[in-house]
Amino acid sequence: MFDLIAFDADDTLWHNETIYVATQARLRQMLAAYASADEVDRVLHETEMHNLELFGYGIKGFTLSMIETALAVSEGRVSAREIGQIVDLARDMLRTEVRLLDHVEETLARLAQDYPLMIVTKGDLRDQERRIAQSGMAHWFTHVQIVSEKSQEVYAALLARYGVPPARFLMVGNSLRSDVLPVVALGGHAVYIPYPLTWAHETIAPEMAGDHRYHTLEHIGLLPALIEKLAAEG
């Protein structure tokens, strides 16, 4: 049925967004003397969106956006000590232990018996390589691709590189915007596994997906049964 099954990493294989949510809460507290929590959140989001093209995804880009936010909401009054505290927040994020989601280990072990598996994830190269190594799951994957963006063009290039027809490719992830719709548009298959917390940039209402056909699962442990069902249906 499938020549290649690919997985997003963050919030599909292991927890990620909770790290950002906790850090943003600490940033609000740190900047409470300068702005309300809502204002900090608003400026941070706008700053991240503005910086994405230059800084990309990941903790390092997020840190630069936090510093820029601190300068903006304080009107330049933020101290060097407070900037240093923001850098410490980034260090804490980078040191956070990788925590697998439920059912990941047994699901990968089962699927790897019959299919080549791939990680396709966005973010800083060094940080994502570290997380993959710390996860203890690297040995299940035949390929790992860390990309700057997940677009239809990027997926098409990946499939061409590995000689996989779109119709025989399955992508599994927690983002309709990045993991599902670009793959379905290519003629591939996609499985959407919602995560309780999702970055606003990745959020898209399911009804906005139109008539794109994809599968939705409550958790990754249900994936092998779905793949067996699809294989039986041909």
C-alpha atoms as a PDB file:
ATOM      1  CA  MET A   1       0.000   0.000   0.000  1.00  0.00           C
ATOM      2  CA  PHE A   2       2.711   2.507   0.994  1.00  0.00           C
ATOM      3  CA  ASP A   3       6.321   2.783  -0.114  1.00  0.00           C
ATOM      4  CA  LEU A   4       7.078   5.329   2.604  1.00  0.00           C
ATOM      5  CA  ILE A   5       5.406   6.492   5.821  1.00  0.00           C
ATOM      6  CA  ALA A   6       6.568   9.840   7.210  1.00  0.00           C
ATOM      7  CA  PHE A   7       5.994  11.449  10.586  1.00  0.00           C
ATOM      8  CA  ASP A   8       6.187  14.953  11.856  1.00  0.00           C
ATOM      9  CA  ALA A   9       8.248  14.989  15.068  1.00  0.00           C
ATOM     10  CA  ASP A  10       7.111  17.813  17.331  1.00  0.00           C
ATOM     11  CA  ASP A  11       3.751  17.061  18.967  1.00  0.00           C
ATOM     12  CA  THR A  12       3.357  13.969  16.816  1.00  0.00           C
ATOM     13  CA  LEU A  13       6.148  11.800  18.244  1.00  0.00           C
ATOM     14  CA  TRP A  14       7.091  13.868  21.290  1.00  0.00           C
ATOM     15  CA  HIS A  15       5.803  16.854  23.251  1.00  0.00           C
ATOM     16  CA  ASN A  16       6.967  20.241  21.995  1.00  0.00           C
ATOM     17  CA  GLU A  17       4.321  22.963  22.168  1.00  0.00           C
ATOM     18  CA  THR A  18       4.034  22.629  25.937  1.00  0.00           C
ATOM     19  CA  ILE A  19       7.651  23.828  26.178  1.00  0.00           C
ATOM     20  CA  TYR A  20       6.816  26.992  24.237  1.00  0.00           C
ATOM     21  CA  VAL A  21       3.607  27.586  26.203  1.00  0.00           C
ATOM     22  CA  ALA A  22       5.445  27.317  29.528  1.00  0.00           C
ATOM     23  CA  THR A  23       8.223  29.617  28.332  1.00  0.00           C
ATOM     24  CA  GLN A  24       5.758  32.192  27.040  1.00  0.00           C
ATOM     25  CA  ALA A  25       4.065  32.182  30.444  1.00  0.00           C
ATOM     26  CA  ARG A  26       7.419  32.918  32.061  1.00  0.00           C
ATOM     27  CA  LEU A  27       8.008  35.716  29.564  1.00  0.00           C
ATOM     28  CA  ARG A  28       4.668  37.302  30.481  1.00  0.00           C
ATOM     29  CA  GLN A  29       5.675  37.299  34.143  1.00  0.00           C
ATOM     30  CA  MET A  30       9.075  38.750  33.319  1.00  0.00           C
ATOM     31  CA  LEU A  31       7.567  41.612  31.313  1.00  0.00           C
ATOM     32  CA  ALA A  32       4.570  42.269  33.592  1.00  0.00           C
ATOM     33  CA  ALA A  33       6.033  45.623  34.645  1.00  0.00           C
ATOM     34  CA  TYR A  34       5.950  46.822  31.045  1.00  0.00           C
ATOM     35  CA  ALA A  35       2.798  45.329  29.486  1.00  0.00           C
ATOM     36  CA  SER A  36      -0.230  43.159  30.105  1.00  0.00           C
ATOM     37  CA  ALA A  37      -0.117  39.438  29.368  1.00  0.00           C
ATOM     38  CA  ASP A  38      -2.392  39.931  26.346  1.00  0.00           C
ATOM     39  CA  GLU A  39      -0.124  42.644  24.958  1.00  0.00           C
ATOM     40  CA  VAL A  40       2.978  40.488  25.380  1.00  0.00           C
ATOM     41  CA  ASP A  41       1.234  37.607  23.596  1.00  0.00           C
ATOM     42  CA  ARG A  42       0.059  39.853  20.764  1.00  0.00           C
ATOM     43  CA  VAL A  43       3.440  41.464  20.169  1.00  0.00           C
ATOM     44  CA  LEU A  44       5.269  38.142  20.417  1.00  0.00           C
ATOM     45  CA  HIS A  45       3.000  36.508  17.842  1.00  0.00           C
ATOM     46  CA  GLU A  46       3.316  39.430  15.436  1.00  0.00           C
ATOM     47  CA  THR A  47       7.072  39.463  15.892  1.00  0.00           C
ATOM     48  CA  GLU A  48       7.363  35.719  15.254  1.00  0.00           C
ATOM     49  CA  MET A  49       5.338  36.002  12.057  1.00  0.00           C
ATOM     50  CA  HIS A  50       7.472  38.914  10.875  1.00  0.00           C
ATOM     51  CA  ASN A  51      10.689  37.022  11.657  1.00  0.00           C
ATOM     52  CA  LEU A  52       9.786  33.592  10.267  1.00  0.00           C
ATOM     53  CA  GLU A  53      11.250  34.212   6.831  1.00  0.00           C
ATOM     54  CA  LEU A  54      14.621  35.259   8.266  1.00  0.00           C
ATOM     55  CA  PHE A  55      14.899  33.258  11.493  1.00  0.00           C
ATOM     56  CA  GLY A  56      12.843  30.200  10.590  1.00  0.00           C
ATOM     57  CA  TYR A  57      11.274  27.790  13.086  1.00  0.00           C
ATOM     58  CA  GLY A  58      12.712  26.607  16.363  1.00  0.00           C
ATOM     59  CA  ILE A  59      13.931  27.739  19.749  1.00  0.00           C
ATOM     60  CA  LYS A  60      16.662  30.072  18.530  1.00  0.00           C
ATOM     61  CA  GLY A  61      14.300  32.035  16.314  1.00  0.00           C
ATOM     62  CA  PHE A  62      11.745  32.085  19.134  1.00  0.00           C
ATOM     63  CA  THR A  63      14.393  33.494  21.481  1.00  0.00           C
ATOM     64  CA  LEU A  64      15.247  36.339  19.133  1.00  0.00           C
ATOM     65  CA  SER A  65      11.527  37.121  18.854  1.00  0.00           C
ATOM     66  CA  MET A  66      11.205  37.122  22.659  1.00  0.00           C
ATOM     67  CA  ILE A  67      14.072  39.599  22.956  1.00  0.00           C
ATOM     68  CA  GLU A  68      12.583  41.818  20.263  1.00  0.00           C
ATOM     69  CA  THR A  69       9.200  41.632  22.023  1.00  0.00           C
ATOM     70  CA  ALA A  70      10.790  42.673  25.328  1.00  0.00           C
ATOM     71  CA  LEU A  71      12.391  45.679  23.647  1.00  0.00           C
ATOM     72  CA  ALA A  72       9.105  46.623  21.965  1.00  0.00           C
ATOM     73  CA  VAL A  73       6.735  46.367  24.942  1.00  0.00           C
ATOM     74  CA  SER A  74       9.211  48.102  27.271  1.00  0.00           C
ATOM     75  CA  GLU A  75       9.927  50.823  24.691  1.00  0.00           C
ATOM     76  CA  GLY A  76      13.624  50.036  25.034  1.00  0.00           C
ATOM     77  CA  ARG A  77      13.650  50.147  28.841  1.00  0.00           C
ATOM     78  CA  VAL A  78      14.241  46.433  29.351  1.00  0.00           C
ATOM     79  CA  SER A  79      17.523  45.876  31.183  1.00  0.00           C
ATOM     80  CA  ALA A  80      20.559  43.845  30.178  1.00  0.00           C
ATOM     81  CA  ARG A  81      19.804  41.560  33.139  1.00  0.00           C
ATOM     82  CA  GLU A  82      16.306  40.907  31.803  1.00  0.00           C
ATOM     83  CA  ILE A  83      17.663  40.174  28.332  1.00  0.00           C
ATOM     84  CA  GLY A  84      20.005  37.710  29.985  1.00  0.00           C
ATOM     85  CA  GLN A  85      17.023  36.083  31.695  1.00  0.00           C
ATOM     86  CA  ILE A  86      15.355  35.597  28.312  1.00  0.00           C
ATOM     87  CA  VAL A  87      18.505  33.890  27.040  1.00  0.00           C
ATOM     88  CA  ASP A  88      18.322  31.658  30.126  1.00  0.00           C
ATOM     89  CA  LEU A  89      14.748  30.762  29.148  1.00  0.00           C
ATOM     90  CA  ALA A  90      16.093  29.555  25.809  1.00  0.00           C
ATOM     91  CA  ARG A  91      18.751  27.465  27.514  1.00  0.00           C
ATOM     92  CA  ASP A  92      16.080  25.862  29.675  1.00  0.00           C
ATOM     93  CA  MET A  93      14.061  25.027  26.559  1.00  0.00           C
ATOM     94  CA  LEU A  94      17.054  23.432  24.873  1.00  0.00           C
ATOM     95  CA  ARG A  95      17.812  21.369  27.967  1.00  0.00           C
ATOM     96  CA  THR A  96      14.262  20.062  28.340  1.00  0.00           C
ATOM     97  CA  GLU A  97      14.127  16.284  28.267  1.00  0.00           C
ATOM     98  CA  VAL A  98      12.393  14.750  25.255  1.00  0.00           C
ATOM     99  CA  ARG A  99       9.088  13.149  26.315  1.00  0.00           C
ATOM    100  CA  LEU A 100       7.473  10.750  23.875  1.00  0.00           C
ATOM    101  CA  LEU A 101       3.736  10.848  23.368  1.00  0.00           C
ATOM    102  CA  ASP A 102       1.748   7.804  24.405  1.00  0.00           C
ATOM    103  CA  HIS A 103       1.837   4.795  22.036  1.00  0.00           C
ATOM    104  CA  VAL A 104       4.741   6.136  19.939  1.00  0.00           C
ATOM    105  CA  GLU A 105       7.315   3.472  20.707  1.00  0.00           C
ATOM    106  CA  GLU A 106       5.099   0.455  20.080  1.00  0.00           C
ATOM    107  CA  THR A 107       3.580   2.033  16.956  1.00  0.00           C
ATOM    108  CA  LEU A 108       6.942   2.721  15.339  1.00  0.00           C
ATOM    109  CA  ALA A 109       8.230  -0.741  16.239  1.00  0.00           C
ATOM    110  CA  ARG A 110       5.198  -2.349  14.617  1.00  0.00           C
ATOM    111  CA  LEU A 111       5.183  -0.277  11.437  1.00  0.00           C
ATOM    112  CA  ALA A 112       8.943  -0.523  10.900  1.00  0.00           C
ATOM    113  CA  GLN A 113       8.538  -4.267  10.359  1.00  0.00           C
ATOM    114  CA  ASP A 114       6.691  -3.650   7.089  1.00  0.00           C
ATOM    115  CA  TYR A 115       7.394  -0.095   5.930  1.00  0.00           C
ATOM    116  CA  PRO A 116      10.311   2.312   5.575  1.00  0.00           C
ATOM    117  CA  LEU A 117       9.739   5.190   7.999  1.00  0.00           C
ATOM    118  CA  MET A 118      10.841   8.807   7.727  1.00  0.00           C
ATOM    119  CA  ILE A 119      10.853  11.869   9.968  1.00  0.00           C
ATOM    120  CA  VAL A 120       9.973  15.115   8.196  1.00  0.00           C
ATOM    121  CA  THR A 121      10.162  18.014  10.602  1.00  0.00           C
ATOM    122  CA  LYS A 122      10.788  21.747  10.685  1.00  0.00           C
ATOM    123  CA  GLY A 123      13.102  23.678  12.960  1.00  0.00           C
ATOM    124  CA  ASP A 124      16.694  24.343  13.838  1.00  0.00           C
ATOM    125  CA  LEU A 125      18.962  21.575  12.504  1.00  0.00           C
ATOM    126  CA  ARG A 126      21.075  21.147  15.632  1.00  0.00           C
ATOM    127  CA  ASP A 127      18.120  21.222  18.013  1.00  0.00           C
ATOM    128  CA  GLN A 128      16.079  18.716  16.008  1.00  0.00           C
ATOM    129  CA  GLU A 129      19.056  16.378  15.609  1.00  0.00           C
ATOM    130  CA  ARG A 130      19.523  16.498  19.387  1.00  0.00           C
ATOM    131  CA  ARG A 131      15.861  15.715  20.041  1.00  0.00           C
ATOM    132  CA  ILE A 132      15.826  12.822  17.602  1.00  0.00           C
ATOM    133  CA  ALA A 133      18.924  11.340  19.246  1.00  0.00           C
ATOM    134  CA  GLN A 134      17.540  11.823  22.771  1.00  0.00           C
ATOM    135  CA  SER A 135      14.184  10.324  21.850  1.00  0.00           C
ATOM    136  CA  GLY A 136      15.711   6.873  21.438  1.00  0.00           C
ATOM    137  CA  MET A 137      13.555   6.395  18.340  1.00  0.00           C
ATOM    138  CA  ALA A 138      16.114   7.172  15.627  1.00  0.00           C
ATOM    139  CA  HIS A 139      16.785   3.499  14.865  1.00  0.00           C
ATOM    140  CA  TRP A 140      13.228   3.013  13.581  1.00  0.00           C
ATOM    141  CA  PHE A 141      13.675   5.569  10.790  1.00  0.00           C
ATOM    142  CA  THR A 142      15.251   4.897   7.422  1.00  0.00           C
ATOM    143  CA  HIS A 143      15.358   8.615   6.589  1.00  0.00           C
ATOM    144  CA  VAL A 144      15.341  11.892   8.507  1.00  0.00           C
ATOM    145  CA  GLN A 145      14.594  15.198   6.780  1.00  0.00           C
ATOM    146  CA  ILE A 146      14.811  18.498   8.679  1.00  0.00           C
ATOM    147  CA  VAL A 147      13.378  21.199   6.446  1.00  0.00           C
ATOM    148  CA  SER A 148      12.914  24.953   6.685  1.00  0.00           C
ATOM    149  CA  GLU A 149       9.278  24.738   5.546  1.00  0.00           C
ATOM    150  CA  LYS A 150       6.681  22.110   4.727  1.00  0.00           C
ATOM    151  CA  SER A 151       5.065  23.092   1.462  1.00  0.00           C
ATOM    152  CA  GLN A 152       3.697  21.171  -1.478  1.00  0.00           C
ATOM    153  CA  GLU A 153       6.914  21.926  -3.353  1.00  0.00           C
ATOM    154  CA  VAL A 154       9.088  20.608  -0.520  1.00  0.00           C
ATOM    155  CA  TYR A 155       7.109  17.367  -0.282  1.00  0.00           C
ATOM    156  CA  ALA A 156       7.231  16.938  -4.062  1.00  0.00           C
ATOM    157  CA  ALA A 157      11.009  17.334  -4.033  1.00  0.00           C
ATOM    158  CA  LEU A 158      11.374  14.800  -1.212  1.00  0.00           C
ATOM    159  CA  LEU A 159       9.239  12.220  -2.981  1.00  0.00           C
ATOM    160  CA  ALA A 160      11.149  12.740  -6.224  1.00  0.00           C
ATOM    161  CA  ARG A 161      14.459  12.305  -4.368  1.00  0.00           C
ATOM    162  CA  TYR A 162      13.384   8.950  -2.957  1.00  0.00           C
ATOM    163  CA  GLY A 163      11.455   7.813  -6.020  1.00  0.00           C
ATOM    164  CA  VAL A 164       8.140   7.499  -4.184  1.00  0.00           C
ATOM    165  CA  PRO A 165       4.901   8.174  -6.102  1.00  0.00           C
ATOM    166  CA  PRO A 166       2.582  10.477  -4.126  1.00  0.00           C
ATOM    167  CA  ALA A 167      -0.166   7.843  -4.149  1.00  0.00           C
ATOM    168  CA  ARG A 168       2.135   5.512  -2.200  1.00  0.00           C
ATOM    169  CA  PHE A 169       3.172   8.069   0.413  1.00  0.00           C
ATOM    170  CA  LEU A 170       1.581   8.578   3.830  1.00  0.00           C
ATOM    171  CA  MET A 171       2.283  11.608   6.055  1.00  0.00           C
ATOM    172  CA  VAL A 172       1.317  11.625   9.736  1.00  0.00           C
ATOM    173  CA  GLY A 173       1.224  14.839  11.755  1.00  0.00           C
ATOM    174  CA  ASN A 174      -0.603  17.257  14.016  1.00  0.00           C
ATOM    175  CA  SER A 175      -0.834  20.217  11.631  1.00  0.00           C
ATOM    176  CA  LEU A 176      -3.404  20.469   8.864  1.00  0.00           C
ATOM    177  CA  ARG A 177      -1.436  23.361   7.389  1.00  0.00           C
ATOM    178  CA  SER A 178       1.975  21.671   7.301  1.00  0.00           C
ATOM    179  CA  ASP A 179       1.462  17.906   7.481  1.00  0.00           C
ATOM    180  CA  VAL A 180      -1.851  17.220   5.785  1.00  0.00           C
ATOM    181  CA  LEU A 181      -3.052  19.637   3.120  1.00  0.00           C
ATOM    182  CA  PRO A 182       0.207  19.944   1.122  1.00  0.00           C
ATOM    183  CA  VAL A 183       0.501  16.151   0.908  1.00  0.00           C
ATOM    184  CA  VAL A 184      -3.145  15.599  -0.044  1.00  0.00           C
ATOM    185  CA  ALA A 185      -2.804  18.285  -2.711  1.00  0.00           C
ATOM    186  CA  LEU A 186       0.001  16.225  -4.242  1.00  0.00           C
ATOM    187  CA  GLY A 187      -2.191  13.136  -4.375  1.00  0.00           C
ATOM    188  CA  GLY A 188      -0.691  11.552  -1.272  1.00  0.00           C
ATOM    189  CA  HIS A 189      -2.302  10.215   1.870  1.00  0.00           C
ATOM    190  CA  ALA A 190      -2.318  12.003   5.230  1.00  0.00           C
ATOM    191  CA  VAL A 191      -3.318  11.278   8.807  1.00  0.00           C
ATOM    192  CA  TYR A 192      -4.178  14.146  11.134  1.00  0.00           C
ATOM    193  CA  ILE A 193      -3.636  13.534  14.860  1.00  0.00           C
ATOM    194  CA  PRO A 194      -4.676  16.699  16.730  1.00  0.00           C
ATOM    195  CA  TYR A 195      -2.532  17.833  19.655  1.00  0.00           C
ATOM    196  CA  PRO A 196      -4.220  19.677  22.558  1.00  0.00           C
ATOM    197  CA  LEU A 197      -1.951  22.700  22.068  1.00  0.00           C
ATOM    198  CA  THR A 198      -1.148  24.028  18.615  1.00  0.00           C
ATOM    199  CA  TRP A 199       0.828  27.126  17.651  1.00  0.00           C
ATOM    200  CA  ALA A 200      -1.477  29.754  16.149  1.00  0.00           C
ATOM    201  CA  HIS A 201       0.550  29.824  12.924  1.00  0.00           C
ATOM    202  CA  GLU A 202      -0.172  26.124  12.360  1.00  0.00           C
ATOM    203  CA  THR A 203      -3.845  26.332  13.249  1.00  0.00           C
ATOM    204  CA  ILE A 204      -6.480  25.965  10.583  1.00  0.00           C
ATOM    205  CA  ALA A 205     -10.099  25.057  11.192  1.00  0.00           C
ATOM    206  CA  PRO A 206     -10.939  21.564   9.867  1.00  0.00           C
ATOM    207  CA  GLU A 207     -13.860  22.989   7.891  1.00  0.00           C
ATOM    208  CA  MET A 208     -11.391  25.212   6.011  1.00  0.00           C
ATOM    209  CA  ALA A 209      -9.751  22.092   4.635  1.00  0.00           C
ATOM    210  CA  GLY A 210     -12.607  21.896   2.154  1.00  0.00           C
ATOM    211  CA  ASP A 211     -13.086  18.574   0.415  1.00  0.00           C
ATOM    212  CA  HIS A 212      -9.502  17.426   0.918  1.00  0.00           C
ATOM    213  CA  ARG A 213      -9.601  13.816   1.989  1.00  0.00           C
ATOM    214  CA  TYR A 214      -7.524  12.779   4.973  1.00  0.00           C
ATOM    215  CA  HIS A 215      -7.886  10.598   8.034  1.00  0.00           C
ATOM    216  CA  THR A 216      -8.201  11.812  11.625  1.00  0.00           C
ATOM    217  CA  LEU A 217      -7.109   9.719  14.600  1.00  0.00           C
ATOM    218  CA  GLU A 218      -7.388  10.349  18.320  1.00  0.00           C
ATOM    219  CA  HIS A 219      -3.846   9.105  18.962  1.00  0.00           C
ATOM    220  CA  ILE A 220      -0.934   7.514  17.131  1.00  0.00           C
ATOM    221  CA  GLY A 221      -1.607   4.089  18.617  1.00  0.00           C
ATOM    222  CA  LEU A 222      -4.568   3.754  16.246  1.00  0.00           C
ATOM    223  CA  LEU A 223      -2.365   4.188  13.168  1.00  0.00           C
ATOM    224  CA  PRO A 224      -1.398   0.538  12.493  1.00  0.00           C
ATOM    225  CA  ALA A 225      -5.046  -0.532  12.408  1.00  0.00           C
ATOM    226  CA  LEU A 226      -5.883   2.280   9.991  1.00  0.00           C
ATOM    227  CA  ILE A 227      -3.017   1.316   7.684  1.00  0.00           C
ATOM    228  CA  GLU A 228      -4.135  -2.313   7.742  1.00  0.00           C
ATOM    229  CA  LYS A 229      -7.659  -1.212   6.842  1.00  0.00           C
ATOM    230  CA  LEU A 230      -6.414   0.934   3.958  1.00  0.00           C
ATOM    231  CA  ALA A 231      -4.218  -1.899   2.687  1.00  0.00           C
ATOM    232  CA  ALA A 232      -7.177  -4.290   2.767  1.00  0.00           C
ATOM    233  CA  GLU A 233      -9.256  -1.806   0.789  1.00  0.00           C
ATOM    234  CA  GLY A 234      -6.502  -1.515  -1.792  1.00  0.00           C
END
